[in-house]
Amino acid sequence: MAIKLDFSRSTLLIIDVQNDFCPSGVLEVKNGDEVIGPLNRLASLFIANAGRVVATQDWHPIDHVSFASSHANKKPGETVDLPGVKGQILWPSHCVQRTTGAEFHADLNTGPISLIVRKGFHTGLDSYSAFFENDRKTTTGLDGFLKSLAIDTLVLGGLALNYCVLYSGLDAVRLGYKTIVAADAVRAVDFPKGSVDKARKLLDEAGVIMAESGEIQ
């Protein structure tokens, strides 16, 4: 099924294709680097047709609240309640500002990217979505940027499907964008068990279209 876009009103949103989320990274998504080929092809397609490419980048301070190391007697995988955020998952320290782990994977073609949205840089607040921090109130500014350009359609890909891609996709629909997830340009982390299937169901129920990157034209 071909999905025809008006590229002048469309943006490719590349989510967190960073070293720490790719193979050998401290928070590795299995086969995470496999998203790069489809994303590079999509980026070339968008640029060739006057579309735009935006990327997000986790950008945490060393003492970020989502790190297990920031909490006494806590381990990765456990949760804590924070002001305005219940059940914050604690992670290994990752994507620390100005470290190799925070850099985009070397094979990702960053040339077409016109805007990088850095998120999770507030010490006391995590961010999964490209649009809002985890308090669901603090904005990243991305929606305003896209609306100023009359963008109405987003194509998402990156890492990980059941976290940052999921929250970005749900927020995109809520903000009024036609939203497509490139199925071959995402990978997921199977934590907690069942969360991948749940993410796919939530995206489907929200009206997000799942399509292969080759179907987008």
N, C-alpha and C. Protein backbone atom coordinates (compact mmCIF):
# COMPACT_ATOMS: atom_id res chain seq x y z
N MET A 1 0.84 -1.20 0.00
CA MET A 1 0.00 0.00 0.00
C MET A 1 0.87 1.24 0.00
N ALA A 2 0.76 2.03 -1.04
CA ALA A 2 1.56 3.25 -1.13
C ALA A 2 0.95 4.36 -0.29
N ILE A 3 1.79 5.11 0.39
CA ILE A 3 1.35 6.27 1.16
C ILE A 3 1.98 7.50 0.53
N LYS A 4 1.16 8.29 -0.11
CA LYS A 4 1.66 9.46 -0.83
C LYS A 4 1.61 10.69 0.09
N LEU A 5 2.73 11.35 0.18
CA LEU A 5 2.85 12.51 1.06
C LEU A 5 2.95 13.80 0.25
N ASP A 6 2.45 14.87 0.84
CA ASP A 6 2.80 16.20 0.40
C ASP A 6 4.05 16.57 1.21
N PHE A 7 5.21 16.35 0.61
CA PHE A 7 6.45 16.50 1.37
C PHE A 7 6.66 17.92 1.87
N SER A 8 6.09 18.89 1.18
CA SER A 8 6.26 20.28 1.62
C SER A 8 5.59 20.53 2.97
N ARG A 9 4.69 19.63 3.37
CA ARG A 9 4.01 19.78 4.66
C ARG A 9 4.28 18.58 5.58
N SER A 10 5.38 17.87 5.28
CA SER A 10 5.71 16.66 6.03
C SER A 10 7.12 16.74 6.62
N THR A 11 7.29 16.06 7.74
CA THR A 11 8.60 16.02 8.40
C THR A 11 8.91 14.59 8.83
N LEU A 12 10.14 14.18 8.59
CA LEU A 12 10.66 12.92 9.12
C LEU A 12 11.22 13.21 10.50
N LEU A 13 10.74 12.50 11.51
CA LEU A 13 11.18 12.70 12.89
C LEU A 13 11.99 11.47 13.32
N ILE A 14 13.30 11.64 13.44
CA ILE A 14 14.22 10.57 13.81
C ILE A 14 14.43 10.61 15.32
N ILE A 15 14.07 9.51 15.99
CA ILE A 15 14.06 9.48 17.44
C ILE A 15 15.31 8.77 18.00
N ASP A 16 16.19 9.50 18.64
CA ASP A 16 17.23 8.98 19.54
C ASP A 16 18.12 7.86 18.96
N VAL A 17 18.60 8.05 17.75
CA VAL A 17 19.52 7.06 17.17
C VAL A 17 20.94 7.39 17.65
N GLN A 18 21.17 7.09 18.93
CA GLN A 18 22.40 7.46 19.62
C GLN A 18 23.19 6.21 20.02
N ASN A 19 24.48 6.41 20.22
CA ASN A 19 25.36 5.26 20.48
C ASN A 19 24.92 4.43 21.68
N ASP A 20 24.46 5.07 22.73
CA ASP A 20 24.09 4.32 23.93
C ASP A 20 22.87 3.44 23.73
N PHE A 21 22.07 3.69 22.68
CA PHE A 21 20.90 2.86 22.40
C PHE A 21 21.17 1.83 21.31
N CYS A 22 22.34 1.87 20.73
CA CYS A 22 22.70 0.95 19.65
C CYS A 22 23.59 -0.18 20.20
N PRO A 23 23.83 -1.24 19.42
CA PRO A 23 24.65 -2.35 19.91
C PRO A 23 25.95 -1.88 20.54
N SER A 24 26.26 -2.45 21.70
CA SER A 24 27.42 -2.13 22.54
C SER A 24 27.21 -0.89 23.40
N GLY A 25 26.06 -0.23 23.27
CA GLY A 25 25.76 0.91 24.13
C GLY A 25 25.30 0.45 25.50
N VAL A 26 25.33 1.35 26.47
CA VAL A 26 25.00 0.97 27.84
C VAL A 26 23.51 0.68 28.02
N LEU A 27 22.67 1.16 27.12
CA LEU A 27 21.24 0.88 27.16
C LEU A 27 20.82 0.37 25.78
N GLU A 28 21.50 -0.66 25.36
CA GLU A 28 21.38 -1.19 24.00
C GLU A 28 19.96 -1.68 23.69
N VAL A 29 19.45 -1.24 22.55
CA VAL A 29 18.25 -1.81 21.97
C VAL A 29 18.71 -2.86 20.97
N LYS A 30 18.25 -4.09 21.14
CA LYS A 30 18.72 -5.18 20.27
C LYS A 30 18.50 -4.81 18.80
N ASN A 31 19.58 -4.93 18.02
CA ASN A 31 19.55 -4.62 16.59
C ASN A 31 19.14 -3.17 16.32
N GLY A 32 19.40 -2.30 17.28
CA GLY A 32 19.00 -0.91 17.13
C GLY A 32 19.61 -0.23 15.92
N ASP A 33 20.80 -0.65 15.52
CA ASP A 33 21.44 -0.01 14.37
C ASP A 33 20.76 -0.36 13.05
N GLU A 34 19.86 -1.34 13.06
CA GLU A 34 19.16 -1.72 11.83
C GLU A 34 18.17 -0.66 11.38
N VAL A 35 17.87 0.31 12.23
CA VAL A 35 16.96 1.38 11.82
C VAL A 35 17.65 2.40 10.92
N ILE A 36 18.97 2.39 10.91
CA ILE A 36 19.70 3.47 10.26
C ILE A 36 19.54 3.45 8.75
N GLY A 37 19.61 2.29 8.14
CA GLY A 37 19.45 2.20 6.68
C GLY A 37 18.12 2.77 6.21
N PRO A 38 17.00 2.29 6.75
CA PRO A 38 15.70 2.87 6.34
C PRO A 38 15.59 4.36 6.64
N LEU A 39 16.12 4.81 7.76
CA LEU A 39 16.04 6.23 8.09
C LEU A 39 16.87 7.08 7.13
N ASN A 40 18.04 6.60 6.77
CA ASN A 40 18.85 7.34 5.80
C ASN A 40 18.14 7.44 4.45
N ARG A 41 17.50 6.36 4.02
CA ARG A 41 16.77 6.39 2.76
C ARG A 41 15.60 7.34 2.82
N LEU A 42 14.88 7.31 3.94
CA LEU A 42 13.76 8.24 4.10
C LEU A 42 14.24 9.69 4.13
N ALA A 43 15.34 9.95 4.82
CA ALA A 43 15.86 11.32 4.89
C ALA A 43 16.20 11.83 3.49
N SER A 44 16.82 10.99 2.68
CA SER A 44 17.14 11.39 1.31
C SER A 44 15.88 11.67 0.50
N LEU A 45 14.85 10.83 0.71
CA LEU A 45 13.59 11.02 0.00
C LEU A 45 12.94 12.34 0.40
N PHE A 46 12.93 12.63 1.69
CA PHE A 46 12.32 13.87 2.15
C PHE A 46 13.05 15.09 1.60
N ILE A 47 14.36 15.08 1.69
CA ILE A 47 15.12 16.24 1.23
C ILE A 47 14.98 16.45 -0.27
N ALA A 48 14.94 15.35 -1.03
CA ALA A 48 14.81 15.45 -2.48
C ALA A 48 13.45 16.01 -2.90
N ASN A 49 12.47 15.95 -1.98
CA ASN A 49 11.13 16.40 -2.32
C ASN A 49 10.68 17.59 -1.46
N ALA A 50 11.65 18.35 -0.98
CA ALA A 50 11.38 19.59 -0.21
C ALA A 50 10.71 19.31 1.13
N GLY A 51 10.93 18.12 1.67
CA GLY A 51 10.47 17.84 3.01
C GLY A 51 11.53 18.25 4.03
N ARG A 52 11.25 17.99 5.30
CA ARG A 52 12.18 18.36 6.36
C ARG A 52 12.51 17.15 7.22
N VAL A 53 13.67 17.21 7.86
CA VAL A 53 14.11 16.13 8.75
C VAL A 53 14.50 16.74 10.09
N VAL A 54 13.92 16.19 11.16
CA VAL A 54 14.21 16.62 12.53
C VAL A 54 14.65 15.39 13.31
N ALA A 55 15.57 15.56 14.24
CA ALA A 55 16.03 14.45 15.08
C ALA A 55 15.96 14.84 16.54
N THR A 56 15.70 13.85 17.38
CA THR A 56 15.77 14.08 18.83
C THR A 56 17.01 13.41 19.39
N GLN A 57 17.45 13.93 20.52
CA GLN A 57 18.67 13.45 21.15
C GLN A 57 18.51 13.52 22.67
N ASP A 58 18.54 12.34 23.32
CA ASP A 58 18.60 12.34 24.78
C ASP A 58 19.87 13.08 25.19
N TRP A 59 19.76 13.95 26.19
CA TRP A 59 20.89 14.84 26.52
C TRP A 59 20.89 15.07 28.02
N HIS A 60 21.30 14.03 28.77
CA HIS A 60 21.14 14.03 30.21
C HIS A 60 22.36 14.58 30.95
N PRO A 61 22.14 15.34 32.02
CA PRO A 61 23.24 15.66 32.94
C PRO A 61 23.67 14.40 33.68
N ILE A 62 24.87 14.41 34.21
CA ILE A 62 25.45 13.23 34.83
C ILE A 62 24.67 12.75 36.05
N ASP A 63 23.95 13.67 36.69
CA ASP A 63 23.17 13.32 37.88
C ASP A 63 21.68 13.29 37.60
N HIS A 64 21.31 12.89 36.41
CA HIS A 64 19.91 12.94 36.01
C HIS A 64 19.04 12.05 36.88
N VAL A 65 17.81 12.50 37.12
CA VAL A 65 16.90 11.81 38.04
C VAL A 65 16.50 10.42 37.54
N SER A 66 16.61 10.15 36.26
CA SER A 66 16.22 8.84 35.73
C SER A 66 17.32 7.79 35.89
N PHE A 67 18.49 8.21 36.36
CA PHE A 67 19.59 7.27 36.53
C PHE A 67 19.48 6.60 37.89
N ALA A 68 19.62 5.28 37.90
CA ALA A 68 19.60 4.56 39.18
C ALA A 68 20.71 5.06 40.10
N SER A 69 21.82 5.47 39.52
CA SER A 69 22.96 5.94 40.31
C SER A 69 22.65 7.22 41.07
N SER A 70 21.56 7.90 40.72
CA SER A 70 21.18 9.14 41.40
C SER A 70 20.32 8.88 42.64
N HIS A 71 20.03 7.58 42.91
CA HIS A 71 19.15 7.24 44.02
C HIS A 71 19.81 6.17 44.90
N ALA A 72 19.87 6.42 46.18
CA ALA A 72 20.49 5.47 47.11
C ALA A 72 19.74 4.14 47.10
N ASN A 73 20.51 3.07 47.01
CA ASN A 73 19.96 1.71 47.12
C ASN A 73 18.94 1.37 46.03
N LYS A 74 19.08 2.00 44.86
CA LYS A 74 18.19 1.70 43.74
C LYS A 74 19.00 1.09 42.60
N LYS A 75 18.35 0.19 41.85
CA LYS A 75 18.99 -0.47 40.72
C LYS A 75 18.21 -0.17 39.44
N PRO A 76 18.89 -0.27 38.29
CA PRO A 76 18.17 -0.11 37.03
C PRO A 76 17.00 -1.08 36.94
N GLY A 77 15.89 -0.55 36.44
CA GLY A 77 14.69 -1.36 36.32
C GLY A 77 13.69 -1.11 37.43
N GLU A 78 14.15 -0.56 38.55
CA GLU A 78 13.23 -0.19 39.62
C GLU A 78 12.57 1.14 39.28
N THR A 79 11.54 1.50 40.05
CA THR A 79 10.83 2.75 39.79
C THR A 79 10.81 3.63 41.03
N VAL A 80 10.63 4.92 40.80
CA VAL A 80 10.46 5.89 41.88
C VAL A 80 9.34 6.85 41.49
N ASP A 81 8.70 7.41 42.48
CA ASP A 81 7.72 8.47 42.25
C ASP A 81 8.40 9.81 42.43
N LEU A 82 8.18 10.69 41.46
CA LEU A 82 8.77 12.02 41.47
C LEU A 82 7.66 13.06 41.49
N PRO A 83 7.95 14.29 41.81
CA PRO A 83 6.93 15.33 41.76
C PRO A 83 6.31 15.42 40.36
N GLY A 84 5.04 15.12 40.26
CA GLY A 84 4.35 15.19 38.98
C GLY A 84 4.53 13.98 38.09
N VAL A 85 5.33 13.02 38.52
CA VAL A 85 5.60 11.83 37.69
C VAL A 85 5.60 10.60 38.59
N LYS A 86 4.64 9.72 38.37
CA LYS A 86 4.59 8.49 39.15
C LYS A 86 5.20 7.35 38.34
N GLY A 87 5.93 6.47 39.03
CA GLY A 87 6.47 5.28 38.37
C GLY A 87 7.59 5.54 37.38
N GLN A 88 8.42 6.54 37.64
CA GLN A 88 9.58 6.79 36.78
C GLN A 88 10.51 5.58 36.82
N ILE A 89 10.76 5.00 35.65
CA ILE A 89 11.70 3.87 35.57
C ILE A 89 13.11 4.40 35.71
N LEU A 90 13.92 3.69 36.47
CA LEU A 90 15.33 4.05 36.62
C LEU A 90 16.17 3.26 35.64
N TRP A 91 17.10 3.95 35.00
CA TRP A 91 17.91 3.37 33.94
C TRP A 91 19.40 3.44 34.31
N PRO A 92 20.23 2.66 33.64
CA PRO A 92 21.67 2.89 33.75
C PRO A 92 21.99 4.30 33.22
N SER A 93 23.05 4.88 33.70
CA SER A 93 23.45 6.20 33.21
C SER A 93 23.71 6.12 31.71
N HIS A 94 23.04 6.98 30.93
CA HIS A 94 23.13 6.89 29.48
C HIS A 94 22.97 8.27 28.84
N CYS A 95 23.48 8.39 27.64
CA CYS A 95 23.35 9.63 26.85
C CYS A 95 23.69 10.86 27.68
N VAL A 96 24.78 10.76 28.41
CA VAL A 96 25.24 11.90 29.22
C VAL A 96 25.80 12.98 28.29
N GLN A 97 25.43 14.19 28.56
CA GLN A 97 25.83 15.32 27.72
C GLN A 97 27.32 15.31 27.40
N ARG A 98 27.61 15.54 26.11
CA ARG A 98 28.98 15.69 25.61
C ARG A 98 29.82 14.41 25.79
N THR A 99 29.19 13.25 25.82
CA THR A 99 29.91 11.98 25.83
C THR A 99 29.67 11.26 24.51
N THR A 100 30.51 10.29 24.23
CA THR A 100 30.36 9.50 23.01
C THR A 100 29.01 8.79 22.97
N GLY A 101 28.54 8.33 24.12
CA GLY A 101 27.27 7.64 24.17
C GLY A 101 26.09 8.48 23.74
N ALA A 102 26.20 9.78 23.92
CA ALA A 102 25.11 10.69 23.55
C ALA A 102 25.13 11.06 22.07
N GLU A 103 26.23 10.78 21.39
CA GLU A 103 26.36 11.16 19.99
C GLU A 103 25.47 10.29 19.10
N PHE A 104 25.05 10.85 17.97
CA PHE A 104 24.34 10.05 16.99
C PHE A 104 25.27 8.96 16.46
N HIS A 105 24.68 7.82 16.13
CA HIS A 105 25.46 6.73 15.55
C HIS A 105 26.18 7.24 14.30
N ALA A 106 27.41 6.82 14.12
CA ALA A 106 28.23 7.34 13.03
C ALA A 106 27.63 7.07 11.65
N ASP A 107 26.84 6.01 11.52
CA ASP A 107 26.27 5.66 10.21
C ASP A 107 25.00 6.44 9.88
N LEU A 108 24.44 7.13 10.87
CA LEU A 108 23.27 7.94 10.59
C LEU A 108 23.68 9.18 9.81
N ASN A 109 23.05 9.42 8.68
CA ASN A 109 23.36 10.60 7.87
C ASN A 109 22.69 11.81 8.51
N THR A 110 23.47 12.63 9.17
CA THR A 110 22.92 13.80 9.85
C THR A 110 22.85 15.03 8.95
N GLY A 111 23.36 14.91 7.74
CA GLY A 111 23.36 16.06 6.83
C GLY A 111 21.98 16.65 6.58
N PRO A 112 20.95 15.82 6.38
CA PRO A 112 19.63 16.37 6.09
C PRO A 112 18.91 16.96 7.30
N ILE A 113 19.42 16.75 8.51
CA ILE A 113 18.72 17.18 9.72
C ILE A 113 18.79 18.70 9.86
N SER A 114 17.63 19.33 9.94
CA SER A 114 17.58 20.79 10.06
C SER A 114 17.37 21.26 11.49
N LEU A 115 16.93 20.36 12.37
CA LEU A 115 16.72 20.73 13.77
C LEU A 115 17.00 19.51 14.64
N ILE A 116 17.75 19.71 15.72
CA ILE A 116 17.96 18.67 16.73
C ILE A 116 17.27 19.12 18.00
N VAL A 117 16.34 18.30 18.47
CA VAL A 117 15.61 18.58 19.71
C VAL A 117 16.28 17.78 20.83
N ARG A 118 16.94 18.48 21.74
CA ARG A 118 17.58 17.82 22.88
C ARG A 118 16.60 17.77 24.03
N LYS A 119 16.44 16.58 24.59
CA LYS A 119 15.43 16.37 25.63
C LYS A 119 16.05 15.64 26.81
N GLY A 120 15.37 15.78 27.97
CA GLY A 120 15.88 15.15 29.17
C GLY A 120 17.07 15.87 29.77
N PHE A 121 17.22 17.15 29.46
CA PHE A 121 18.38 17.89 29.99
C PHE A 121 18.09 18.56 31.33
N HIS A 122 16.82 18.54 31.77
CA HIS A 122 16.50 19.01 33.11
C HIS A 122 16.88 17.92 34.11
N THR A 123 17.67 18.25 35.10
CA THR A 123 18.17 17.25 36.04
C THR A 123 17.04 16.46 36.69
N GLY A 124 15.94 17.13 37.04
CA GLY A 124 14.89 16.48 37.79
C GLY A 124 13.71 16.00 36.98
N LEU A 125 13.86 15.91 35.65
CA LEU A 125 12.72 15.57 34.81
C LEU A 125 13.18 14.80 33.58
N ASP A 126 12.59 13.62 33.37
CA ASP A 126 12.95 12.82 32.20
C ASP A 126 12.04 13.19 31.04
N SER A 127 12.38 12.71 29.86
CA SER A 127 11.59 13.02 28.67
C SER A 127 11.66 11.86 27.70
N TYR A 128 10.51 11.25 27.42
CA TYR A 128 10.43 10.23 26.38
C TYR A 128 9.96 10.84 25.06
N SER A 129 8.94 11.69 25.15
CA SER A 129 8.34 12.26 23.95
C SER A 129 9.21 13.35 23.34
N ALA A 130 9.11 13.48 22.02
CA ALA A 130 9.78 14.58 21.33
C ALA A 130 9.09 15.91 21.59
N PHE A 131 7.87 15.86 22.15
CA PHE A 131 7.07 17.07 22.32
C PHE A 131 6.97 17.55 23.76
N PHE A 132 6.95 16.62 24.72
CA PHE A 132 6.75 16.99 26.12
C PHE A 132 7.69 16.20 27.02
N GLU A 133 8.12 16.84 28.11
CA GLU A 133 8.83 16.12 29.15
C GLU A 133 7.84 15.21 29.87
N ASN A 134 8.34 14.36 30.76
CA ASN A 134 7.48 13.35 31.37
C ASN A 134 6.46 13.89 32.36
N ASP A 135 6.55 15.18 32.69
CA ASP A 135 5.48 15.76 33.50
C ASP A 135 4.25 16.05 32.65
N ARG A 136 4.40 15.88 31.32
CA ARG A 136 3.33 16.08 30.33
C ARG A 136 2.91 17.54 30.22
N LYS A 137 3.70 18.44 30.78
CA LYS A 137 3.40 19.87 30.73
C LYS A 137 4.53 20.66 30.06
N THR A 138 5.77 20.32 30.40
CA THR A 138 6.92 21.07 29.90
C THR A 138 7.15 20.69 28.44
N THR A 139 7.10 21.69 27.57
CA THR A 139 7.22 21.42 26.14
C THR A 139 8.68 21.50 25.69
N THR A 140 8.97 20.81 24.59
CA THR A 140 10.30 20.88 24.00
C THR A 140 10.40 21.99 22.95
N GLY A 141 9.28 22.53 22.53
CA GLY A 141 9.26 23.55 21.49
C GLY A 141 9.05 23.00 20.09
N LEU A 142 9.05 21.66 19.96
CA LEU A 142 8.96 21.07 18.62
C LEU A 142 7.63 21.37 17.96
N ASP A 143 6.54 21.30 18.71
CA ASP A 143 5.23 21.54 18.10
C ASP A 143 5.15 22.95 17.53
N GLY A 144 5.64 23.92 18.26
CA GLY A 144 5.62 25.29 17.75
C GLY A 144 6.43 25.44 16.48
N PHE A 145 7.59 24.78 16.44
CA PHE A 145 8.43 24.83 15.25
C PHE A 145 7.71 24.26 14.03
N LEU A 146 7.10 23.08 14.22
CA LEU A 146 6.42 22.42 13.10
C LEU A 146 5.21 23.22 12.64
N LYS A 147 4.43 23.70 13.60
CA LYS A 147 3.23 24.46 13.24
C LYS A 147 3.62 25.75 12.50
N SER A 148 4.74 26.35 12.86
CA SER A 148 5.16 27.58 12.18
C SER A 148 5.49 27.33 10.72
N LEU A 149 5.77 26.09 10.39
CA LEU A 149 6.10 25.72 9.00
C LEU A 149 4.92 25.06 8.30
N ALA A 150 3.76 25.05 8.94
CA ALA A 150 2.54 24.46 8.37
C ALA A 150 2.69 22.96 8.13
N ILE A 151 3.49 22.30 8.95
CA ILE A 151 3.64 20.85 8.86
C ILE A 151 2.39 20.18 9.42
N ASP A 152 1.84 19.21 8.68
CA ASP A 152 0.67 18.50 9.19
C ASP A 152 0.84 16.98 9.22
N THR A 153 1.98 16.48 8.73
CA THR A 153 2.20 15.04 8.67
C THR A 153 3.60 14.71 9.18
N LEU A 154 3.69 13.69 10.03
CA LEU A 154 4.96 13.25 10.57
C LEU A 154 5.18 11.78 10.26
N VAL A 155 6.41 11.45 9.90
CA VAL A 155 6.85 10.06 9.77
C VAL A 155 7.91 9.83 10.83
N LEU A 156 7.68 8.84 11.68
CA LEU A 156 8.58 8.58 12.82
C LEU A 156 9.36 7.30 12.62
N GLY A 157 10.59 7.32 13.11
CA GLY A 157 11.41 6.12 13.19
C GLY A 157 12.49 6.33 14.23
N GLY A 158 13.07 5.23 14.72
CA GLY A 158 14.15 5.36 15.68
C GLY A 158 13.99 4.43 16.86
N LEU A 159 14.44 4.90 18.04
CA LEU A 159 14.56 4.04 19.21
C LEU A 159 13.99 4.72 20.46
N ALA A 160 13.34 3.95 21.28
CA ALA A 160 12.86 2.61 21.05
C ALA A 160 11.35 2.68 20.84
N LEU A 161 10.81 1.71 20.12
CA LEU A 161 9.39 1.75 19.77
C LEU A 161 8.49 1.91 20.97
N ASN A 162 8.76 1.17 22.05
CA ASN A 162 7.84 1.16 23.18
C ASN A 162 8.17 2.22 24.24
N TYR A 163 9.04 3.14 23.91
CA TYR A 163 9.29 4.27 24.81
C TYR A 163 9.21 5.58 24.03
N CYS A 164 10.31 6.05 23.52
CA CYS A 164 10.32 7.40 22.95
C CYS A 164 9.54 7.49 21.64
N VAL A 165 9.55 6.44 20.82
CA VAL A 165 8.73 6.47 19.60
C VAL A 165 7.26 6.44 19.97
N LEU A 166 6.89 5.59 20.94
CA LEU A 166 5.50 5.49 21.38
C LEU A 166 4.99 6.84 21.87
N TYR A 167 5.67 7.43 22.84
CA TYR A 167 5.19 8.68 23.42
C TYR A 167 5.17 9.81 22.39
N SER A 168 6.16 9.84 21.51
CA SER A 168 6.19 10.87 20.47
C SER A 168 5.02 10.69 19.50
N GLY A 169 4.74 9.44 19.14
CA GLY A 169 3.63 9.18 18.23
C GLY A 169 2.28 9.53 18.82
N LEU A 170 2.06 9.17 20.08
CA LEU A 170 0.79 9.48 20.73
C LEU A 170 0.62 10.99 20.87
N ASP A 171 1.69 11.69 21.23
CA ASP A 171 1.59 13.14 21.34
C ASP A 171 1.37 13.79 19.98
N ALA A 172 2.00 13.25 18.95
CA ALA A 172 1.82 13.82 17.61
C ALA A 172 0.36 13.77 17.19
N VAL A 173 -0.29 12.63 17.42
CA VAL A 173 -1.71 12.51 17.08
C VAL A 173 -2.53 13.49 17.92
N ARG A 174 -2.25 13.54 19.20
CA ARG A 174 -3.00 14.43 20.09
C ARG A 174 -2.86 15.89 19.68
N LEU A 175 -1.72 16.24 19.10
CA LEU A 175 -1.48 17.62 18.67
C LEU A 175 -2.01 17.90 17.27
N GLY A 176 -2.59 16.87 16.64
CA GLY A 176 -3.27 17.11 15.36
C GLY A 176 -2.52 16.69 14.11
N TYR A 177 -1.41 16.00 14.25
CA TYR A 177 -0.65 15.58 13.08
C TYR A 177 -1.11 14.22 12.56
N LYS A 178 -1.18 14.06 11.26
CA LYS A 178 -1.26 12.73 10.68
C LYS A 178 0.08 12.06 10.97
N THR A 179 0.04 10.89 11.56
CA THR A 179 1.26 10.29 12.08
C THR A 179 1.47 8.89 11.54
N ILE A 180 2.66 8.67 11.00
CA ILE A 180 3.04 7.39 10.41
C ILE A 180 4.30 6.91 11.11
N VAL A 181 4.34 5.66 11.51
CA VAL A 181 5.56 5.05 12.03
C VAL A 181 6.11 4.11 10.97
N ALA A 182 7.36 4.32 10.58
CA ALA A 182 8.01 3.43 9.61
C ALA A 182 8.42 2.15 10.33
N ALA A 183 7.68 1.07 10.09
CA ALA A 183 7.82 -0.15 10.88
C ALA A 183 9.20 -0.78 10.78
N ASP A 184 9.85 -0.64 9.64
CA ASP A 184 11.19 -1.22 9.48
C ASP A 184 12.28 -0.28 9.98
N ALA A 185 11.89 0.90 10.47
CA ALA A 185 12.85 1.88 10.96
C ALA A 185 12.71 2.08 12.46
N VAL A 186 12.13 1.09 13.16
CA VAL A 186 12.05 1.13 14.62
C VAL A 186 12.47 -0.23 15.18
N ARG A 187 12.99 -0.21 16.37
CA ARG A 187 13.27 -1.42 17.14
C ARG A 187 12.84 -1.15 18.58
N ALA A 188 12.57 -2.23 19.32
CA ALA A 188 12.03 -2.08 20.67
C ALA A 188 12.89 -2.80 21.68
N VAL A 189 12.73 -2.42 22.94
CA VAL A 189 13.38 -3.09 24.05
C VAL A 189 12.31 -3.83 24.83
N ASP A 190 12.50 -5.11 25.07
CA ASP A 190 11.47 -5.95 25.68
C ASP A 190 11.49 -5.81 27.20
N PHE A 191 11.20 -4.58 27.66
CA PHE A 191 11.15 -4.31 29.10
C PHE A 191 10.11 -3.22 29.35
N PRO A 192 9.17 -3.47 30.25
CA PRO A 192 8.87 -4.77 30.86
C PRO A 192 8.22 -5.72 29.85
N LYS A 193 8.11 -6.98 30.19
CA LYS A 193 7.52 -7.97 29.30
C LYS A 193 6.12 -7.52 28.89
N GLY A 194 5.85 -7.65 27.62
CA GLY A 194 4.53 -7.28 27.11
C GLY A 194 4.41 -5.85 26.66
N SER A 195 5.41 -5.02 26.94
CA SER A 195 5.29 -3.60 26.63
C SER A 195 5.35 -3.31 25.13
N VAL A 196 5.99 -4.18 24.37
CA VAL A 196 6.08 -3.95 22.93
C VAL A 196 4.71 -4.14 22.29
N ASP A 197 4.04 -5.23 22.62
CA ASP A 197 2.69 -5.45 22.08
C ASP A 197 1.73 -4.36 22.55
N LYS A 198 1.88 -3.94 23.79
CA LYS A 198 1.03 -2.87 24.31
C LYS A 198 1.26 -1.58 23.54
N ALA A 199 2.51 -1.28 23.23
CA ALA A 199 2.83 -0.05 22.49
C ALA A 199 2.20 -0.08 21.10
N ARG A 200 2.32 -1.21 20.43
CA ARG A 200 1.71 -1.33 19.09
C ARG A 200 0.20 -1.14 19.16
N LYS A 201 -0.44 -1.70 20.19
CA LYS A 201 -1.88 -1.57 20.35
C LYS A 201 -2.27 -0.11 20.61
N LEU A 202 -1.52 0.57 21.48
CA LEU A 202 -1.81 1.96 21.78
C LEU A 202 -1.67 2.85 20.55
N LEU A 203 -0.64 2.62 19.76
CA LEU A 203 -0.44 3.40 18.54
C LEU A 203 -1.58 3.16 17.55
N ASP A 204 -1.97 1.89 17.41
CA ASP A 204 -3.06 1.55 16.50
C ASP A 204 -4.36 2.20 16.95
N GLU A 205 -4.64 2.12 18.24
CA GLU A 205 -5.88 2.70 18.76
C GLU A 205 -5.92 4.21 18.61
N ALA A 206 -4.74 4.83 18.63
CA ALA A 206 -4.66 6.29 18.49
C ALA A 206 -4.80 6.74 17.03
N GLY A 207 -4.73 5.78 16.10
CA GLY A 207 -4.84 6.13 14.70
C GLY A 207 -3.51 6.31 13.99
N VAL A 208 -2.43 5.92 14.63
CA VAL A 208 -1.11 5.99 13.99
C VAL A 208 -1.03 4.91 12.92
N ILE A 209 -0.54 5.27 11.76
CA ILE A 209 -0.39 4.34 10.64
C ILE A 209 0.97 3.66 10.74
N MET A 210 1.00 2.33 10.68
CA MET A 210 2.25 1.59 10.62
C MET A 210 2.47 1.16 9.18
N ALA A 211 3.62 1.53 8.62
CA ALA A 211 3.91 1.23 7.22
C ALA A 211 5.39 0.99 7.03
N GLU A 212 5.73 0.20 6.05
CA GLU A 212 7.13 0.03 5.70
C GLU A 212 7.66 1.31 5.05
N SER A 213 8.93 1.59 5.26
CA SER A 213 9.48 2.83 4.71
C SER A 213 9.36 2.89 3.19
N GLY A 214 9.44 1.73 2.54
CA GLY A 214 9.33 1.69 1.08
C GLY A 214 7.94 2.04 0.55
N GLU A 215 6.95 2.01 1.43
CA GLU A 215 5.60 2.36 1.01
C GLU A 215 5.37 3.87 1.00
N ILE A 216 6.29 4.61 1.60
CA ILE A 216 6.13 6.05 1.71
C ILE A 216 6.72 6.71 0.48
N GLN A 217 5.90 7.49 -0.18
CA GLN A 217 6.35 8.14 -1.44
C GLN A 217 5.63 9.46 -1.67
